[in-house]
């Protein structure tokens, strides 16, 4: 009986912890969506500190775009890495974008590919679009068929841009 009580207590503690971490994340997203960036910053920081990967992603976006803070690609990279390490596709995709465009890091298409692949494998359509762009534009190896595959996957995941790029490559005979 004692073991059962400990398990129930652990489950209750786990559920309470999840409810407590959900509140800052929900508020972070709401404030960001309402474009109240100055208010979003500390709340997103709190969510990130509570190991909410999306909270870290939103922090990265704030720093990447200079919303509510001075634009700082190094800070953005830090938060995108933290989010990606928590298996959030959006963080991996954003990190890939930094390497693709060389923002705050040395431009490195192989690193971009690594993060876009991780994002795409987490069913983040934007990561699949990033991979498609790498293959389409010849950053690394130009392969239109592979580009179409990734654009198609992005389209299947609901990313209209992926559908558009897939259609355009088809129309060009690729």
N, C-alpha and C. Protein backbone atom coordinates (compact mmCIF):
# COMPACT_ATOMS: atom_id res chain seq x y z
N UNK A 1 0.82 -1.20 0.00
CA UNK A 1 0.00 0.00 0.00
C UNK A 1 0.87 1.26 0.00
N UNK A 2 1.96 1.23 0.74
CA UNK A 2 2.84 2.39 0.81
C UNK A 2 3.42 2.72 -0.56
N UNK A 3 3.82 1.69 -1.35
CA UNK A 3 4.37 1.91 -2.69
C UNK A 3 3.33 2.55 -3.59
N UNK A 4 2.08 2.14 -3.48
CA UNK A 4 1.01 2.69 -4.29
C UNK A 4 0.82 4.17 -3.99
N UNK A 5 0.89 4.54 -2.71
CA UNK A 5 0.75 5.94 -2.33
C UNK A 5 1.89 6.77 -2.90
N UNK A 6 3.11 6.24 -2.86
CA UNK A 6 4.24 6.97 -3.42
C UNK A 6 4.07 7.17 -4.92
N UNK A 7 3.60 6.15 -5.62
CA UNK A 7 3.38 6.27 -7.06
C UNK A 7 2.31 7.30 -7.35
N UNK A 8 1.23 7.28 -6.59
CA UNK A 8 0.16 8.25 -6.80
C UNK A 8 0.67 9.66 -6.53
N UNK A 9 1.49 9.80 -5.52
CA UNK A 9 2.05 11.11 -5.21
C UNK A 9 2.97 11.57 -6.34
N UNK A 10 3.79 10.68 -6.86
CA UNK A 10 4.68 11.04 -7.96
C UNK A 10 3.88 11.45 -9.19
N UNK A 11 2.81 10.72 -9.48
CA UNK A 11 1.97 11.06 -10.63
C UNK A 11 1.33 12.43 -10.41
N UNK A 12 0.82 12.65 -9.20
CA UNK A 12 0.21 13.94 -8.90
C UNK A 12 1.23 15.06 -9.01
N UNK A 13 2.43 14.83 -8.53
CA UNK A 13 3.48 15.85 -8.64
C UNK A 13 3.81 16.12 -10.09
N UNK A 14 3.89 15.07 -10.90
CA UNK A 14 4.17 15.24 -12.33
C UNK A 14 3.07 16.05 -13.00
N UNK A 15 1.81 15.73 -12.70
CA UNK A 15 0.69 16.46 -13.30
C UNK A 15 0.70 17.92 -12.87
N UNK A 16 0.97 18.19 -11.60
CA UNK A 16 1.02 19.57 -11.13
C UNK A 16 2.15 20.33 -11.79
N UNK A 17 3.29 19.68 -11.95
CA UNK A 17 4.43 20.33 -12.61
C UNK A 17 4.08 20.69 -14.05
N UNK A 18 3.40 19.78 -14.76
CA UNK A 18 3.01 20.07 -16.15
C UNK A 18 2.03 21.23 -16.23
N UNK A 19 1.09 21.32 -15.31
CA UNK A 19 0.14 22.42 -15.29
C UNK A 19 0.87 23.73 -15.01
N UNK A 20 1.83 23.69 -14.07
CA UNK A 20 2.58 24.90 -13.71
C UNK A 20 3.43 25.40 -14.87
N UNK A 21 4.04 24.48 -15.64
CA UNK A 21 4.87 24.92 -16.75
C UNK A 21 4.04 25.34 -17.95
N UNK A 22 2.84 24.81 -18.06
CA UNK A 22 1.98 25.15 -19.20
C UNK A 22 1.53 26.61 -19.14
N UNK A 23 1.32 27.12 -17.93
CA UNK A 23 0.80 28.50 -17.79
C UNK A 23 1.77 29.54 -18.37
N UNK A 24 3.05 29.54 -18.01
CA UNK A 24 3.95 30.54 -18.61
C UNK A 24 4.07 30.38 -20.13
N UNK A 25 4.10 29.15 -20.62
CA UNK A 25 4.21 28.94 -22.06
C UNK A 25 2.98 29.51 -22.77
N UNK A 26 1.83 29.22 -22.25
CA UNK A 26 0.59 29.72 -22.87
C UNK A 26 0.57 31.25 -22.85
N UNK A 27 0.99 31.83 -21.74
CA UNK A 27 1.04 33.30 -21.64
C UNK A 27 2.09 33.87 -22.59
N UNK A 28 3.23 33.21 -22.70
CA UNK A 28 4.30 33.63 -23.62
C UNK A 28 3.76 33.70 -25.04
N UNK A 29 3.10 32.64 -25.47
CA UNK A 29 2.56 32.57 -26.83
C UNK A 29 1.50 33.64 -27.04
N UNK A 30 0.63 33.81 -26.04
CA UNK A 30 -0.43 34.81 -26.14
C UNK A 30 0.13 36.23 -26.26
N UNK A 31 1.11 36.55 -25.43
CA UNK A 31 1.71 37.89 -25.48
C UNK A 31 2.46 38.11 -26.78
N UNK A 32 3.16 37.09 -27.25
CA UNK A 32 3.88 37.23 -28.52
C UNK A 32 2.89 37.44 -29.66
N UNK A 33 1.85 36.65 -29.68
CA UNK A 33 0.83 36.75 -30.73
C UNK A 33 0.17 38.12 -30.73
N UNK A 34 -0.01 38.68 -29.52
CA UNK A 34 -0.61 40.01 -29.39
C UNK A 34 0.41 41.12 -29.64
N UNK A 35 1.62 40.74 -30.02
CA UNK A 35 2.71 41.67 -30.31
C UNK A 35 3.08 42.54 -29.11
N UNK A 36 2.94 41.97 -27.92
CA UNK A 36 3.35 42.64 -26.68
C UNK A 36 4.71 42.06 -26.28
N UNK A 37 5.70 42.38 -27.09
CA UNK A 37 7.01 41.74 -26.98
C UNK A 37 7.71 42.04 -25.66
N UNK A 38 7.61 43.26 -25.16
CA UNK A 38 8.27 43.59 -23.88
C UNK A 38 7.70 42.76 -22.74
N UNK A 39 6.40 42.52 -22.78
CA UNK A 39 5.78 41.70 -21.74
C UNK A 39 6.06 40.21 -21.97
N UNK A 40 6.18 39.83 -23.23
CA UNK A 40 6.41 38.43 -23.56
C UNK A 40 7.79 37.97 -23.11
N UNK A 41 8.77 38.85 -23.19
CA UNK A 41 10.16 38.48 -22.92
C UNK A 41 10.35 37.77 -21.57
N UNK A 42 9.94 38.36 -20.43
CA UNK A 42 10.19 37.67 -19.17
C UNK A 42 9.35 36.39 -19.01
N UNK A 43 8.17 36.39 -19.59
CA UNK A 43 7.31 35.21 -19.47
C UNK A 43 7.87 34.06 -20.31
N UNK A 44 8.36 34.38 -21.51
CA UNK A 44 8.98 33.36 -22.34
C UNK A 44 10.27 32.85 -21.69
N UNK A 45 11.00 33.76 -21.05
CA UNK A 45 12.21 33.36 -20.31
C UNK A 45 11.85 32.38 -19.20
N UNK A 46 10.77 32.68 -18.49
CA UNK A 46 10.32 31.78 -17.42
C UNK A 46 9.97 30.41 -17.99
N UNK A 47 9.23 30.39 -19.09
CA UNK A 47 8.85 29.12 -19.71
C UNK A 47 10.09 28.35 -20.15
N UNK A 48 11.05 29.04 -20.75
CA UNK A 48 12.29 28.40 -21.18
C UNK A 48 13.06 27.84 -19.99
N UNK A 49 13.11 28.61 -18.91
CA UNK A 49 13.79 28.16 -17.69
C UNK A 49 13.12 26.93 -17.09
N UNK A 50 11.85 26.73 -17.42
CA UNK A 50 11.11 25.56 -16.94
C UNK A 50 11.19 24.41 -17.95
N UNK A 51 12.16 24.53 -18.87
CA UNK A 51 12.42 23.51 -19.89
C UNK A 51 11.26 23.30 -20.85
N UNK A 52 10.58 24.38 -21.18
CA UNK A 52 9.57 24.36 -22.23
C UNK A 52 10.26 24.78 -23.52
N UNK A 53 10.48 23.84 -24.41
CA UNK A 53 11.21 24.11 -25.65
C UNK A 53 10.59 25.21 -26.50
N UNK A 54 9.27 25.27 -26.54
CA UNK A 54 8.64 26.34 -27.33
C UNK A 54 8.89 27.71 -26.72
N UNK A 55 8.97 27.77 -25.40
CA UNK A 55 9.31 29.04 -24.75
C UNK A 55 10.68 29.51 -25.18
N UNK A 56 11.62 28.55 -25.29
CA UNK A 56 12.97 28.89 -25.76
C UNK A 56 12.93 29.34 -27.22
N UNK A 57 12.09 28.69 -28.03
CA UNK A 57 11.97 29.10 -29.44
C UNK A 57 11.46 30.53 -29.54
N UNK A 58 10.43 30.84 -28.75
CA UNK A 58 9.89 32.21 -28.80
C UNK A 58 10.94 33.22 -28.35
N UNK A 59 11.74 32.87 -27.34
CA UNK A 59 12.83 33.76 -26.92
C UNK A 59 13.80 33.97 -28.07
N UNK A 60 14.14 32.89 -28.75
CA UNK A 60 15.04 33.00 -29.90
C UNK A 60 14.49 33.92 -30.97
N UNK A 61 13.19 33.81 -31.22
CA UNK A 61 12.57 34.66 -32.23
C UNK A 61 12.63 36.13 -31.80
N UNK A 62 12.37 36.39 -30.52
CA UNK A 62 12.43 37.77 -30.02
C UNK A 62 13.81 38.37 -30.27
N UNK A 63 14.85 37.61 -29.94
CA UNK A 63 16.22 38.11 -30.15
C UNK A 63 16.58 38.15 -31.64
N UNK A 64 16.15 37.18 -32.40
CA UNK A 64 16.43 37.15 -33.83
C UNK A 64 15.84 38.36 -34.54
N UNK A 65 14.63 38.73 -34.16
CA UNK A 65 13.92 39.82 -34.83
C UNK A 65 14.08 41.17 -34.14
N UNK A 66 14.71 41.19 -32.97
CA UNK A 66 14.84 42.44 -32.23
C UNK A 66 13.49 42.95 -31.75
N UNK A 67 12.67 42.05 -31.25
CA UNK A 67 11.33 42.40 -30.78
C UNK A 67 11.34 42.45 -29.26
N UNK A 68 11.25 43.65 -28.72
CA UNK A 68 11.27 43.82 -27.27
C UNK A 68 12.66 43.80 -26.66
N UNK A 69 13.65 43.51 -27.49
CA UNK A 69 15.05 43.47 -27.07
C UNK A 69 15.89 43.94 -28.25
N UNK A 70 17.15 44.25 -27.96
CA UNK A 70 18.08 44.57 -29.04
C UNK A 70 18.33 43.29 -29.84
N UNK A 71 18.33 43.40 -31.16
CA UNK A 71 18.57 42.24 -32.00
C UNK A 71 19.94 41.64 -31.67
N UNK A 72 19.95 40.33 -31.44
CA UNK A 72 21.18 39.66 -31.03
C UNK A 72 21.13 38.22 -31.54
N UNK A 73 21.80 37.96 -32.65
CA UNK A 73 21.77 36.63 -33.25
C UNK A 73 22.44 35.58 -32.37
N UNK A 74 23.44 35.98 -31.58
CA UNK A 74 24.08 35.02 -30.68
C UNK A 74 23.10 34.53 -29.62
N UNK A 75 22.33 35.46 -29.06
CA UNK A 75 21.31 35.07 -28.08
C UNK A 75 20.25 34.20 -28.76
N UNK A 76 19.85 34.59 -29.97
CA UNK A 76 18.86 33.80 -30.70
C UNK A 76 19.37 32.38 -30.89
N UNK A 77 20.63 32.26 -31.29
CA UNK A 77 21.24 30.94 -31.49
C UNK A 77 21.20 30.12 -30.21
N UNK A 78 21.53 30.74 -29.09
CA UNK A 78 21.52 30.04 -27.81
C UNK A 78 20.15 29.45 -27.51
N UNK A 79 19.11 30.26 -27.70
CA UNK A 79 17.76 29.78 -27.39
C UNK A 79 17.25 28.78 -28.43
N UNK A 80 17.59 28.96 -29.70
CA UNK A 80 17.19 27.99 -30.70
C UNK A 80 17.87 26.64 -30.45
N UNK A 81 19.15 26.68 -30.04
CA UNK A 81 19.86 25.44 -29.71
C UNK A 81 19.19 24.74 -28.54
N UNK A 82 18.84 25.51 -27.52
CA UNK A 82 18.19 24.91 -26.35
C UNK A 82 16.87 24.26 -26.75
N UNK A 83 16.10 24.95 -27.58
CA UNK A 83 14.83 24.41 -28.05
C UNK A 83 15.05 23.15 -28.89
N UNK A 84 16.00 23.21 -29.79
CA UNK A 84 16.30 22.06 -30.64
C UNK A 84 16.75 20.87 -29.80
N UNK A 85 17.56 21.11 -28.79
CA UNK A 85 18.02 20.04 -27.90
C UNK A 85 16.88 19.45 -27.09
N UNK A 86 15.77 20.18 -26.99
CA UNK A 86 14.56 19.65 -26.34
C UNK A 86 13.61 19.03 -27.36
N UNK A 87 14.15 18.77 -28.55
CA UNK A 87 13.41 18.12 -29.62
C UNK A 87 12.20 18.89 -30.12
N UNK A 88 12.37 20.20 -30.24
CA UNK A 88 11.34 21.05 -30.84
C UNK A 88 11.79 21.38 -32.25
N UNK A 89 11.05 20.89 -33.23
CA UNK A 89 11.40 21.09 -34.63
C UNK A 89 11.54 22.54 -35.02
N UNK A 90 10.71 23.39 -34.43
CA UNK A 90 10.76 24.81 -34.77
C UNK A 90 12.10 25.42 -34.37
N UNK A 91 12.66 24.99 -33.25
CA UNK A 91 13.96 25.48 -32.82
C UNK A 91 15.08 25.00 -33.75
N UNK A 92 15.00 23.73 -34.16
CA UNK A 92 16.00 23.19 -35.09
C UNK A 92 15.93 23.90 -36.43
N UNK A 93 14.71 24.14 -36.90
CA UNK A 93 14.55 24.83 -38.18
C UNK A 93 15.13 26.24 -38.11
N UNK A 94 14.83 26.95 -37.04
CA UNK A 94 15.33 28.32 -36.89
C UNK A 94 16.86 28.33 -36.83
N UNK A 95 17.42 27.35 -36.15
CA UNK A 95 18.87 27.23 -36.07
C UNK A 95 19.46 26.96 -37.46
N UNK A 96 18.80 26.10 -38.21
CA UNK A 96 19.23 25.85 -39.59
C UNK A 96 19.20 27.13 -40.42
N UNK A 97 18.18 27.96 -40.19
CA UNK A 97 18.08 29.22 -40.90
C UNK A 97 19.23 30.16 -40.60
N UNK A 98 19.67 30.18 -39.33
CA UNK A 98 20.82 31.02 -38.99
C UNK A 98 22.05 30.60 -39.78
N UNK A 99 22.28 29.29 -39.88
CA UNK A 99 23.44 28.80 -40.62
C UNK A 99 23.26 28.99 -42.13
N UNK A 100 22.05 28.83 -42.62
CA UNK A 100 21.78 29.00 -44.05
C UNK A 100 22.10 30.42 -44.49
N UNK A 101 21.66 31.40 -43.69
CA UNK A 101 21.85 32.80 -44.06
C UNK A 101 23.10 33.42 -43.44
N UNK A 102 23.79 32.70 -42.55
CA UNK A 102 24.99 33.24 -41.92
C UNK A 102 24.68 34.38 -40.96
N UNK A 103 23.63 34.25 -40.18
CA UNK A 103 23.26 35.29 -39.22
C UNK A 103 23.78 34.92 -37.83
N UNK A 104 24.81 35.64 -37.39
CA UNK A 104 25.37 35.40 -36.07
C UNK A 104 26.30 34.21 -36.02
N UNK A 105 26.41 33.49 -37.13
CA UNK A 105 27.30 32.34 -37.24
C UNK A 105 27.92 32.39 -38.63
N UNK A 106 29.00 31.65 -38.81
CA UNK A 106 29.60 31.54 -40.14
C UNK A 106 28.62 30.75 -41.02
N UNK A 107 28.36 31.28 -42.21
CA UNK A 107 27.45 30.58 -43.12
C UNK A 107 27.99 29.18 -43.37
N UNK A 108 27.16 28.18 -43.14
CA UNK A 108 27.59 26.79 -43.23
C UNK A 108 26.40 25.95 -43.68
N UNK A 109 26.36 25.61 -44.97
CA UNK A 109 25.22 24.88 -45.52
C UNK A 109 25.12 23.46 -44.96
N UNK A 110 26.25 22.86 -44.60
CA UNK A 110 26.20 21.52 -44.01
C UNK A 110 25.54 21.56 -42.63
N UNK A 111 25.89 22.57 -41.84
CA UNK A 111 25.23 22.72 -40.54
C UNK A 111 23.74 23.01 -40.73
N UNK A 112 23.43 23.87 -41.70
CA UNK A 112 22.03 24.17 -41.98
C UNK A 112 21.29 22.88 -42.33
N UNK A 113 21.90 22.05 -43.17
CA UNK A 113 21.29 20.78 -43.57
C UNK A 113 21.04 19.88 -42.36
N UNK A 114 22.01 19.81 -41.47
CA UNK A 114 21.87 18.99 -40.27
C UNK A 114 20.64 19.41 -39.46
N UNK A 115 20.49 20.71 -39.23
CA UNK A 115 19.36 21.18 -38.42
C UNK A 115 18.04 21.11 -39.18
N UNK A 116 18.05 21.39 -40.48
CA UNK A 116 16.82 21.26 -41.26
C UNK A 116 16.36 19.80 -41.28
N UNK A 117 17.31 18.87 -41.40
CA UNK A 117 16.95 17.45 -41.39
C UNK A 117 16.33 17.05 -40.06
N UNK A 118 16.94 17.51 -38.98
CA UNK A 118 16.40 17.17 -37.66
C UNK A 118 14.98 17.72 -37.53
N UNK A 119 14.78 18.94 -37.98
CA UNK A 119 13.46 19.56 -37.92
C UNK A 119 12.46 18.80 -38.79
N UNK A 120 12.85 18.51 -40.01
CA UNK A 120 11.98 17.80 -40.94
C UNK A 120 11.62 16.42 -40.40
N UNK A 121 12.59 15.75 -39.80
CA UNK A 121 12.34 14.42 -39.23
C UNK A 121 11.40 14.47 -38.03
N UNK A 122 11.23 15.65 -37.45
CA UNK A 122 10.26 15.85 -36.35
C UNK A 122 8.91 16.30 -36.91
N UNK A 123 8.77 16.16 -38.23
CA UNK A 123 7.53 16.55 -38.92
C UNK A 123 7.24 18.04 -38.83
N UNK A 124 8.30 18.84 -38.84
CA UNK A 124 8.16 20.28 -38.93
C UNK A 124 8.32 20.66 -40.40
N UNK A 125 7.22 21.02 -41.02
CA UNK A 125 7.22 21.30 -42.45
C UNK A 125 8.20 22.37 -42.88
N UNK A 126 8.42 23.37 -42.02
CA UNK A 126 9.36 24.44 -42.37
C UNK A 126 10.78 23.88 -42.53
N UNK A 127 11.14 22.91 -41.72
CA UNK A 127 12.46 22.28 -41.87
C UNK A 127 12.58 21.56 -43.20
N UNK A 128 11.49 20.93 -43.63
CA UNK A 128 11.49 20.25 -44.93
C UNK A 128 11.64 21.27 -46.06
N UNK A 129 11.03 22.44 -45.91
CA UNK A 129 11.19 23.50 -46.92
C UNK A 129 12.65 23.94 -46.98
N UNK A 130 13.28 24.09 -45.80
CA UNK A 130 14.69 24.46 -45.77
C UNK A 130 15.56 23.46 -46.51
N UNK A 131 15.27 22.17 -46.31
CA UNK A 131 16.03 21.13 -47.02
C UNK A 131 15.78 21.22 -48.51
N UNK A 132 14.54 21.41 -48.88
CA UNK A 132 14.22 21.55 -50.30
C UNK A 132 14.98 22.70 -50.93
N UNK A 133 15.05 23.82 -50.22
CA UNK A 133 15.76 24.99 -50.73
C UNK A 133 17.25 24.70 -50.90
N UNK A 134 17.84 23.96 -49.96
CA UNK A 134 19.25 23.61 -50.09
C UNK A 134 19.50 22.79 -51.35
N UNK A 135 18.64 21.81 -51.59
CA UNK A 135 18.82 20.96 -52.77
C UNK A 135 18.46 21.66 -54.06
N UNK A 136 17.46 22.54 -54.01
CA UNK A 136 17.05 23.24 -55.22
C UNK A 136 18.09 24.26 -55.67
N UNK A 137 18.64 25.00 -54.73
CA UNK A 137 19.56 26.08 -55.07
C UNK A 137 21.00 25.61 -55.26
N UNK A 138 21.24 24.33 -54.98
CA UNK A 138 22.58 23.80 -55.20
C UNK A 138 23.54 24.11 -54.08
N UNK A 139 23.04 24.44 -52.90
CA UNK A 139 23.91 24.67 -51.75
C UNK A 139 24.33 23.30 -51.23
N UNK A 140 25.46 22.85 -51.65
CA UNK A 140 25.89 21.49 -51.37
C UNK A 140 25.82 20.73 -52.68
N UNK A 141 24.73 20.02 -52.89
CA UNK A 141 24.52 19.26 -54.12
C UNK A 141 23.16 19.64 -54.68
N UNK A 142 23.14 20.04 -55.94
CA UNK A 142 21.87 20.39 -56.55
C UNK A 142 21.19 19.10 -57.01
N UNK A 143 19.99 18.88 -56.52
CA UNK A 143 19.23 17.69 -56.86
C UNK A 143 17.76 18.05 -56.80
N UNK A 144 17.18 18.32 -57.96
CA UNK A 144 15.80 18.77 -58.01
C UNK A 144 14.82 17.70 -57.53
N UNK A 145 15.12 16.43 -57.78
CA UNK A 145 14.22 15.36 -57.33
C UNK A 145 14.16 15.32 -55.80
N UNK A 146 15.33 15.44 -55.17
CA UNK A 146 15.36 15.46 -53.70
C UNK A 146 14.66 16.71 -53.18
N UNK A 147 14.88 17.84 -53.83
CA UNK A 147 14.18 19.07 -53.44
C UNK A 147 12.68 18.86 -53.49
N UNK A 148 12.20 18.24 -54.57
CA UNK A 148 10.76 17.98 -54.70
C UNK A 148 10.25 17.07 -53.59
N UNK A 149 11.04 16.08 -53.21
CA UNK A 149 10.64 15.17 -52.14
C UNK A 149 10.42 15.94 -50.84
N UNK A 150 11.36 16.84 -50.53
CA UNK A 150 11.22 17.60 -49.29
C UNK A 150 10.09 18.62 -49.38
N UNK A 151 9.94 19.26 -50.52
CA UNK A 151 8.82 20.19 -50.68
C UNK A 151 7.50 19.43 -50.58
N UNK A 152 7.45 18.23 -51.14
CA UNK A 152 6.24 17.41 -51.04
C UNK A 152 5.92 17.04 -49.61
N UNK A 153 6.95 16.69 -48.84
CA UNK A 153 6.72 16.35 -47.44
C UNK A 153 6.22 17.59 -46.68
N UNK A 154 6.82 18.74 -46.97
CA UNK A 154 6.37 19.98 -46.33
C UNK A 154 4.90 20.23 -46.67
N UNK A 155 4.55 20.01 -47.91
CA UNK A 155 3.16 20.20 -48.35
C UNK A 155 2.24 19.25 -47.59
N UNK A 156 2.66 17.99 -47.48
CA UNK A 156 1.86 16.99 -46.74
C UNK A 156 1.68 17.39 -45.28
N UNK A 157 2.66 18.14 -44.75
CA UNK A 157 2.58 18.60 -43.35
C UNK A 157 1.83 19.92 -43.23
N UNK A 158 1.25 20.40 -44.33
CA UNK A 158 0.40 21.58 -44.26
C UNK A 158 1.09 22.89 -44.60
N UNK A 159 2.30 22.85 -45.12
CA UNK A 159 3.04 24.06 -45.46
C UNK A 159 2.75 24.44 -46.91
N UNK A 160 1.96 25.47 -47.12
CA UNK A 160 1.58 25.90 -48.47
C UNK A 160 2.79 26.25 -49.33
N UNK A 161 3.81 26.85 -48.72
CA UNK A 161 5.01 27.20 -49.48
C UNK A 161 5.65 25.95 -50.09
N UNK A 162 5.62 24.84 -49.36
CA UNK A 162 6.14 23.59 -49.89
C UNK A 162 5.34 23.12 -51.10
N UNK A 163 4.02 23.26 -51.02
CA UNK A 163 3.15 22.89 -52.15
C UNK A 163 3.48 23.75 -53.37
N UNK A 164 3.64 25.03 -53.14
CA UNK A 164 3.95 25.96 -54.24
C UNK A 164 5.27 25.62 -54.91
N UNK A 165 6.30 25.38 -54.09
CA UNK A 165 7.63 25.08 -54.65
C UNK A 165 7.60 23.75 -55.40
N UNK A 166 6.88 22.77 -54.88
CA UNK A 166 6.74 21.46 -55.54
C UNK A 166 6.10 21.66 -56.91
N UNK A 167 5.01 22.41 -56.96
CA UNK A 167 4.30 22.67 -58.21
C UNK A 167 5.21 23.40 -59.21
N UNK A 168 5.95 24.40 -58.72
CA UNK A 168 6.84 25.17 -59.60
C UNK A 168 7.93 24.29 -60.21
N UNK A 169 8.51 23.40 -59.42
CA UNK A 169 9.53 22.50 -59.96
C UNK A 169 8.92 21.54 -60.98
N UNK A 170 7.70 21.08 -60.72
CA UNK A 170 7.01 20.23 -61.69
C UNK A 170 6.80 20.96 -63.00
N UNK A 171 6.35 22.20 -62.90
CA UNK A 171 6.09 23.00 -64.10
C UNK A 171 7.36 23.25 -64.90
N UNK A 172 8.50 23.26 -64.24
CA UNK A 172 9.78 23.46 -64.92
C UNK A 172 10.35 22.15 -65.47
N UNK A 173 9.60 21.07 -65.27
CA UNK A 173 10.03 19.77 -65.80
C UNK A 173 10.97 18.99 -64.91
N UNK A 174 11.05 19.35 -63.66
CA UNK A 174 11.95 18.62 -62.73
C UNK A 174 11.19 17.53 -62.02
